[in-house]
Amino acid sequence: MSKPPELKYRQLPDGRFEIWLHAVVSQDALLGVHGVLAQYGAEGPPEDEDEEAEDGGLAH
């Protein structure tokens, strides 16, 4: 399997892959990507409740 050099990923013990993406997109594109990932059951990062309380739930 080949990958673009800018794509960072690692394989998880259960055979799935975790990937890190950086993209600048419009809100419509973001909602579209979110919808596609939701169809595949993609998981978000673990949530840190203390950090969310400090910044109002917005990501840094």
Protein backbone atom coordinates (compact mmCIF):
# COMPACT_ATOMS: atom_id res chain seq x y z
CA MET A 1 0.00 0.00 0.00
CA SER A 2 1.42 3.37 -0.95
CA LYS A 3 0.45 6.62 0.67
CA PRO A 4 1.01 10.32 0.00
CA PRO A 5 3.89 11.64 2.11
CA GLU A 6 1.63 14.19 3.84
CA LEU A 7 -0.81 11.53 5.12
CA LYS A 8 0.05 10.26 8.59
CA TYR A 9 -1.53 7.05 9.82
CA ARG A 10 -0.98 4.01 11.98
CA GLN A 11 -2.59 0.61 12.09
CA LEU A 12 -4.51 -0.24 15.25
CA PRO A 13 -4.27 -3.66 16.92
CA ASP A 14 -7.75 -4.58 15.62
CA GLY A 15 -6.67 -4.02 11.98
CA ARG A 16 -8.30 -0.60 11.49
CA PHE A 17 -6.25 2.48 10.63
CA GLU A 18 -6.06 5.76 12.51
CA ILE A 19 -5.28 8.73 10.24
CA TRP A 20 -4.43 12.37 10.90
CA LEU A 21 -5.69 14.90 8.40
CA HIS A 22 -5.11 18.63 8.08
CA ALA A 23 -7.31 20.45 5.61
CA VAL A 24 -8.74 23.92 5.09
CA VAL A 25 -12.30 23.51 3.81
CA SER A 26 -15.62 25.31 3.67
CA GLN A 27 -18.34 24.51 6.19
CA ASP A 28 -20.29 22.64 3.50
CA ALA A 29 -17.28 20.46 2.73
CA LEU A 30 -16.74 19.81 6.43
CA LEU A 31 -20.36 18.68 6.83
CA GLY A 32 -19.98 16.43 3.78
CA VAL A 33 -16.83 14.80 5.13
CA HIS A 34 -18.49 14.34 8.51
CA GLY A 35 -21.45 12.64 6.84
CA VAL A 36 -19.25 10.24 4.88
CA LEU A 37 -17.19 9.33 7.95
CA ALA A 38 -20.35 8.79 9.98
CA GLN A 39 -21.56 6.28 7.37
CA TYR A 40 -18.42 4.24 7.98
CA GLY A 41 -18.69 4.47 11.76
CA ALA A 42 -15.55 6.55 12.10
CA GLU A 43 -14.64 7.50 15.65
CA GLY A 44 -13.55 10.90 16.86
CA PRO A 45 -10.67 11.49 19.25
CA PRO A 46 -11.26 10.70 22.92
CA GLU A 47 -13.00 13.64 24.54
CA ASP A 48 -11.40 15.45 27.47
CA GLU A 49 -14.30 16.84 29.49
CA ASP A 50 -12.08 19.18 31.53
CA GLU A 51 -10.66 20.80 28.39
CA GLU A 52 -14.11 21.17 26.82
CA ALA A 53 -15.41 22.91 29.95
CA GLU A 54 -12.54 25.40 29.82
CA ASP A 55 -12.95 26.42 26.19
CA GLY A 56 -16.69 26.03 25.76
CA GLY A 57 -16.41 22.77 23.80
CA LEU A 58 -14.48 24.29 20.90
CA ALA A 59 -11.41 22.53 19.56
CA HIS A 60 -8.06 24.31 19.70
